[in-house]
Amino acid sequence: MVEIELEQLRRNPSWKATLVAYWERQAAGRAESGEFDGWVPRVAEVADVETAKLSSIHGRLIAFGFLKFDLSNRDLGMRYQLTPLGKRAIGEADGSEPAELAESA
């Protein structure tokens, strides 16, 4: 089943770009705080991705299991986090598997 999800990601470069944007935010959060919980605010802009398509892309990434969301804190709003599959997919979509992604899964 995972191969189907990864194939969808390969066919949709904007999906991978969005996942990478989340991974970069998560990495920055980890670097800034030892108490970082892995959740980041919704990405509103991604390079080379039309802003109008981001809502649909978020839905697809959640549906395919690459991204999860959290609504538990009203003050923080909706927050997102890569799933282990999302982290793995960033590397596998182009045939590579960065060590730092595998370690953070």
N, C-alpha and C. Protein backbone atom coordinates (compact mmCIF):
# COMPACT_ATOMS: atom_id res chain seq x y z
N MET A 1 0.82 -1.20 0.00
CA MET A 1 0.00 0.00 0.00
C MET A 1 0.86 1.26 0.00
N VAL A 2 1.97 1.25 0.69
CA VAL A 2 2.82 2.43 0.77
C VAL A 2 3.30 2.84 -0.61
N GLU A 3 3.52 1.89 -1.50
CA GLU A 3 4.00 2.22 -2.85
C GLU A 3 3.00 3.10 -3.59
N ILE A 4 1.72 2.89 -3.38
CA ILE A 4 0.69 3.72 -4.03
C ILE A 4 0.82 5.16 -3.56
N GLU A 5 0.98 5.35 -2.27
CA GLU A 5 1.13 6.69 -1.73
C GLU A 5 2.38 7.38 -2.27
N LEU A 6 3.48 6.64 -2.30
CA LEU A 6 4.73 7.21 -2.80
C LEU A 6 4.63 7.55 -4.28
N GLU A 7 3.93 6.73 -5.05
CA GLU A 7 3.74 7.03 -6.47
C GLU A 7 2.94 8.31 -6.65
N GLN A 8 1.93 8.52 -5.84
CA GLN A 8 1.16 9.77 -5.91
C GLN A 8 2.06 10.97 -5.62
N LEU A 9 2.95 10.81 -4.66
CA LEU A 9 3.87 11.90 -4.32
C LEU A 9 4.82 12.18 -5.48
N ARG A 10 5.31 11.13 -6.14
CA ARG A 10 6.20 11.31 -7.29
C ARG A 10 5.50 12.05 -8.42
N ARG A 11 4.22 11.81 -8.58
CA ARG A 11 3.44 12.45 -9.66
C ARG A 11 3.06 13.89 -9.35
N ASN A 12 3.21 14.30 -8.12
CA ASN A 12 2.77 15.63 -7.69
C ASN A 12 3.91 16.35 -6.96
N PRO A 13 4.81 16.99 -7.70
CA PRO A 13 5.95 17.66 -7.07
C PRO A 13 5.56 18.72 -6.05
N SER A 14 4.40 19.32 -6.22
CA SER A 14 3.96 20.33 -5.25
C SER A 14 3.68 19.70 -3.89
N TRP A 15 3.29 18.43 -3.86
CA TRP A 15 3.08 17.73 -2.60
C TRP A 15 4.41 17.60 -1.86
N LYS A 16 5.43 17.17 -2.60
CA LYS A 16 6.74 16.99 -1.96
C LYS A 16 7.27 18.33 -1.48
N ALA A 17 7.11 19.38 -2.28
CA ALA A 17 7.58 20.71 -1.87
C ALA A 17 6.91 21.13 -0.57
N THR A 18 5.64 20.81 -0.42
CA THR A 18 4.91 21.16 0.80
C THR A 18 5.43 20.34 1.99
N LEU A 19 5.67 19.05 1.78
CA LEU A 19 6.24 18.22 2.84
C LEU A 19 7.61 18.75 3.27
N VAL A 20 8.43 19.12 2.30
CA VAL A 20 9.76 19.65 2.62
C VAL A 20 9.64 20.94 3.43
N ALA A 21 8.68 21.78 3.09
CA ALA A 21 8.47 23.02 3.86
C ALA A 21 8.15 22.70 5.32
N TYR A 22 7.33 21.68 5.55
CA TYR A 22 7.03 21.28 6.93
C TYR A 22 8.27 20.69 7.61
N TRP A 23 9.01 19.87 6.89
CA TRP A 23 10.21 19.28 7.48
C TRP A 23 11.19 20.37 7.89
N GLU A 24 11.36 21.39 7.03
CA GLU A 24 12.27 22.50 7.35
C GLU A 24 11.81 23.25 8.59
N ARG A 25 10.50 23.46 8.72
CA ARG A 25 9.98 24.15 9.92
C ARG A 25 10.18 23.30 11.16
N GLN A 26 9.96 21.99 11.02
CA GLN A 26 10.17 21.12 12.18
C GLN A 26 11.64 21.10 12.58
N ALA A 27 12.54 21.05 11.62
CA ALA A 27 13.98 21.05 11.91
C ALA A 27 14.38 22.35 12.60
N ALA A 28 13.84 23.47 12.13
CA ALA A 28 14.14 24.77 12.75
C ALA A 28 13.61 24.82 14.18
N GLY A 29 12.42 24.28 14.39
CA GLY A 29 11.84 24.25 15.74
C GLY A 29 12.67 23.42 16.70
N ARG A 30 13.17 22.27 16.22
CA ARG A 30 14.03 21.42 17.05
C ARG A 30 15.32 22.14 17.40
N ALA A 31 15.87 22.89 16.44
CA ALA A 31 17.13 23.60 16.66
C ALA A 31 16.96 24.75 17.66
N GLU A 32 15.78 25.36 17.66
CA GLU A 32 15.52 26.51 18.52
C GLU A 32 15.19 26.14 19.96
N SER A 33 14.56 24.98 20.15
CA SER A 33 14.08 24.65 21.49
C SER A 33 14.18 23.16 21.77
N GLY A 34 14.74 22.85 22.91
CA GLY A 34 14.81 21.46 23.35
C GLY A 34 13.44 20.91 23.74
N GLU A 35 12.47 21.79 23.94
CA GLU A 35 11.12 21.39 24.33
C GLU A 35 10.16 21.37 23.15
N PHE A 36 10.67 21.48 21.94
CA PHE A 36 9.84 21.50 20.74
C PHE A 36 9.06 20.18 20.63
N ASP A 37 7.74 20.28 20.41
CA ASP A 37 6.90 19.09 20.36
C ASP A 37 6.68 18.54 18.95
N GLY A 38 7.28 19.16 17.94
CA GLY A 38 7.15 18.65 16.58
C GLY A 38 6.02 19.25 15.77
N TRP A 39 5.13 20.00 16.41
CA TRP A 39 3.99 20.59 15.73
C TRP A 39 4.33 22.00 15.27
N VAL A 40 3.95 22.32 14.04
CA VAL A 40 4.23 23.66 13.48
C VAL A 40 2.94 24.25 12.91
N PRO A 41 2.88 25.59 12.85
CA PRO A 41 1.70 26.23 12.24
C PRO A 41 1.58 25.87 10.76
N ARG A 42 0.39 26.01 10.25
CA ARG A 42 0.12 25.70 8.84
C ARG A 42 1.02 26.54 7.94
N VAL A 43 1.60 25.90 6.94
CA VAL A 43 2.42 26.58 5.95
C VAL A 43 1.48 27.30 4.99
N ALA A 44 1.66 28.60 4.87
CA ALA A 44 0.78 29.41 4.02
C ALA A 44 1.37 29.67 2.64
N GLU A 45 2.68 29.50 2.50
CA GLU A 45 3.35 29.71 1.22
C GLU A 45 4.44 28.67 1.04
N VAL A 46 4.52 28.13 -0.19
CA VAL A 46 5.56 27.18 -0.54
C VAL A 46 6.11 27.62 -1.90
N ALA A 47 7.42 27.68 -2.02
CA ALA A 47 8.04 28.10 -3.28
C ALA A 47 7.56 27.21 -4.43
N ASP A 48 7.23 27.82 -5.53
CA ASP A 48 6.80 27.14 -6.76
C ASP A 48 5.46 26.40 -6.63
N VAL A 49 4.68 26.73 -5.61
CA VAL A 49 3.35 26.13 -5.44
C VAL A 49 2.34 27.27 -5.35
N GLU A 50 1.29 27.18 -6.16
CA GLU A 50 0.25 28.21 -6.13
C GLU A 50 -0.44 28.20 -4.76
N THR A 51 -0.53 29.36 -4.16
CA THR A 51 -1.14 29.49 -2.84
C THR A 51 -2.57 28.96 -2.84
N ALA A 52 -3.30 29.18 -3.92
CA ALA A 52 -4.69 28.72 -4.01
C ALA A 52 -4.81 27.20 -3.96
N LYS A 53 -3.75 26.49 -4.29
CA LYS A 53 -3.78 25.02 -4.29
C LYS A 53 -3.35 24.40 -2.96
N LEU A 54 -2.83 25.22 -2.06
CA LEU A 54 -2.30 24.66 -0.81
C LEU A 54 -3.36 23.96 0.04
N SER A 55 -4.56 24.48 0.07
CA SER A 55 -5.61 23.84 0.86
C SER A 55 -5.87 22.42 0.36
N SER A 56 -5.98 22.27 -0.94
CA SER A 56 -6.19 20.96 -1.54
C SER A 56 -5.00 20.04 -1.29
N ILE A 57 -3.80 20.59 -1.40
CA ILE A 57 -2.59 19.80 -1.17
C ILE A 57 -2.55 19.31 0.28
N HIS A 58 -2.89 20.17 1.22
CA HIS A 58 -2.94 19.75 2.62
C HIS A 58 -3.90 18.57 2.79
N GLY A 59 -5.07 18.69 2.20
CA GLY A 59 -6.05 17.61 2.29
C GLY A 59 -5.54 16.30 1.74
N ARG A 60 -4.88 16.36 0.61
CA ARG A 60 -4.32 15.14 -0.01
C ARG A 60 -3.22 14.55 0.86
N LEU A 61 -2.34 15.39 1.37
CA LEU A 61 -1.24 14.90 2.21
C LEU A 61 -1.77 14.23 3.48
N ILE A 62 -2.83 14.78 4.03
CA ILE A 62 -3.46 14.17 5.21
C ILE A 62 -4.12 12.85 4.81
N ALA A 63 -4.86 12.86 3.71
CA ALA A 63 -5.58 11.66 3.26
C ALA A 63 -4.63 10.51 2.94
N PHE A 64 -3.47 10.81 2.37
CA PHE A 64 -2.52 9.76 2.02
C PHE A 64 -1.60 9.39 3.19
N GLY A 65 -1.74 10.07 4.32
CA GLY A 65 -0.98 9.69 5.51
C GLY A 65 0.41 10.30 5.62
N PHE A 66 0.69 11.35 4.85
CA PHE A 66 2.00 12.00 4.91
C PHE A 66 2.06 13.09 5.98
N LEU A 67 0.91 13.63 6.34
CA LEU A 67 0.84 14.78 7.24
C LEU A 67 -0.32 14.56 8.20
N LYS A 68 -0.15 15.00 9.45
CA LYS A 68 -1.25 14.94 10.40
C LYS A 68 -1.47 16.33 10.98
N PHE A 69 -2.65 16.54 11.55
CA PHE A 69 -2.97 17.86 12.08
C PHE A 69 -3.49 17.76 13.50
N ASP A 70 -3.43 18.90 14.20
CA ASP A 70 -3.85 18.96 15.59
C ASP A 70 -4.68 20.22 15.79
N LEU A 71 -5.84 20.05 16.42
CA LEU A 71 -6.73 21.17 16.71
C LEU A 71 -6.93 21.37 18.20
N SER A 72 -6.10 20.77 19.02
CA SER A 72 -6.36 20.72 20.46
C SER A 72 -6.19 22.05 21.20
N ASN A 73 -5.49 23.00 20.62
CA ASN A 73 -5.25 24.26 21.33
C ASN A 73 -5.79 25.43 20.53
N ARG A 74 -6.86 26.02 21.01
CA ARG A 74 -7.49 27.15 20.30
C ARG A 74 -6.56 28.32 20.11
N ASP A 75 -5.73 28.59 21.10
CA ASP A 75 -4.83 29.73 21.02
C ASP A 75 -3.77 29.57 19.93
N LEU A 76 -3.33 28.34 19.71
CA LEU A 76 -2.29 28.09 18.71
C LEU A 76 -2.87 27.87 17.31
N GLY A 77 -4.14 27.57 17.22
CA GLY A 77 -4.75 27.29 15.92
C GLY A 77 -4.36 25.91 15.41
N MET A 78 -4.64 25.68 14.16
CA MET A 78 -4.34 24.38 13.56
C MET A 78 -2.83 24.24 13.40
N ARG A 79 -2.34 23.07 13.81
CA ARG A 79 -0.91 22.77 13.70
C ARG A 79 -0.74 21.47 12.94
N TYR A 80 0.43 21.32 12.33
CA TYR A 80 0.70 20.16 11.48
C TYR A 80 2.03 19.52 11.85
N GLN A 81 2.15 18.24 11.47
CA GLN A 81 3.37 17.49 11.73
C GLN A 81 3.51 16.42 10.66
N LEU A 82 4.73 16.20 10.19
CA LEU A 82 4.97 15.09 9.27
C LEU A 82 4.77 13.77 10.00
N THR A 83 4.19 12.82 9.33
CA THR A 83 4.09 11.47 9.88
C THR A 83 5.39 10.74 9.55
N PRO A 84 5.65 9.58 10.14
CA PRO A 84 6.83 8.81 9.74
C PRO A 84 6.83 8.53 8.22
N LEU A 85 5.66 8.25 7.65
CA LEU A 85 5.57 8.04 6.21
C LEU A 85 5.93 9.31 5.45
N GLY A 86 5.50 10.46 5.96
CA GLY A 86 5.83 11.73 5.32
C GLY A 86 7.32 11.99 5.31
N LYS A 87 7.98 11.70 6.42
CA LYS A 87 9.44 11.87 6.49
C LYS A 87 10.14 10.93 5.53
N ARG A 88 9.68 9.69 5.51
CA ARG A 88 10.27 8.70 4.60
C ARG A 88 10.04 9.10 3.15
N ALA A 89 8.85 9.59 2.88
CA ALA A 89 8.47 9.93 1.51
C ALA A 89 9.31 11.06 0.93
N ILE A 90 9.75 11.98 1.74
CA ILE A 90 10.56 13.08 1.23
C ILE A 90 11.79 12.53 0.52
N GLY A 91 12.43 11.54 1.11
CA GLY A 91 13.60 10.95 0.49
C GLY A 91 13.27 9.98 -0.62
N GLU A 92 12.26 9.14 -0.43
CA GLU A 92 11.94 8.10 -1.40
C GLU A 92 11.29 8.62 -2.67
N ALA A 93 10.66 9.77 -2.62
CA ALA A 93 10.00 10.29 -3.81
C ALA A 93 10.99 10.55 -4.94
N ASP A 94 12.23 10.84 -4.58
CA ASP A 94 13.23 11.06 -5.63
C ASP A 94 14.34 10.01 -5.61
N GLY A 95 14.10 8.92 -4.87
CA GLY A 95 15.05 7.81 -4.85
C GLY A 95 16.16 7.93 -3.81
N SER A 96 16.15 8.97 -2.99
CA SER A 96 17.16 9.12 -1.96
C SER A 96 16.50 9.01 -0.59
N GLU A 97 17.31 8.77 0.41
CA GLU A 97 16.76 8.74 1.78
C GLU A 97 17.73 9.45 2.70
N PRO A 98 17.53 10.75 2.91
CA PRO A 98 18.44 11.49 3.77
C PRO A 98 18.49 10.91 5.18
N ALA A 99 19.68 10.75 5.71
CA ALA A 99 19.86 10.15 7.04
C ALA A 99 19.13 10.94 8.12
N GLU A 100 19.15 12.26 8.02
CA GLU A 100 18.50 13.05 9.07
C GLU A 100 16.99 12.84 9.10
N LEU A 101 16.39 12.51 7.95
CA LEU A 101 14.96 12.23 7.94
C LEU A 101 14.68 10.89 8.60
N ALA A 102 15.48 9.90 8.27
CA ALA A 102 15.28 8.58 8.85
C ALA A 102 15.46 8.62 10.37
N GLU A 103 16.43 9.39 10.84
CA GLU A 103 16.69 9.49 12.27
C GLU A 103 15.57 10.20 13.02
N SER A 104 14.87 11.11 12.34
CA SER A 104 13.83 11.88 13.02
C SER A 104 12.46 11.22 12.93
N ALA A 105 12.37 10.06 12.30
CA ALA A 105 11.08 9.37 12.15
C ALA A 105 10.60 8.79 13.45
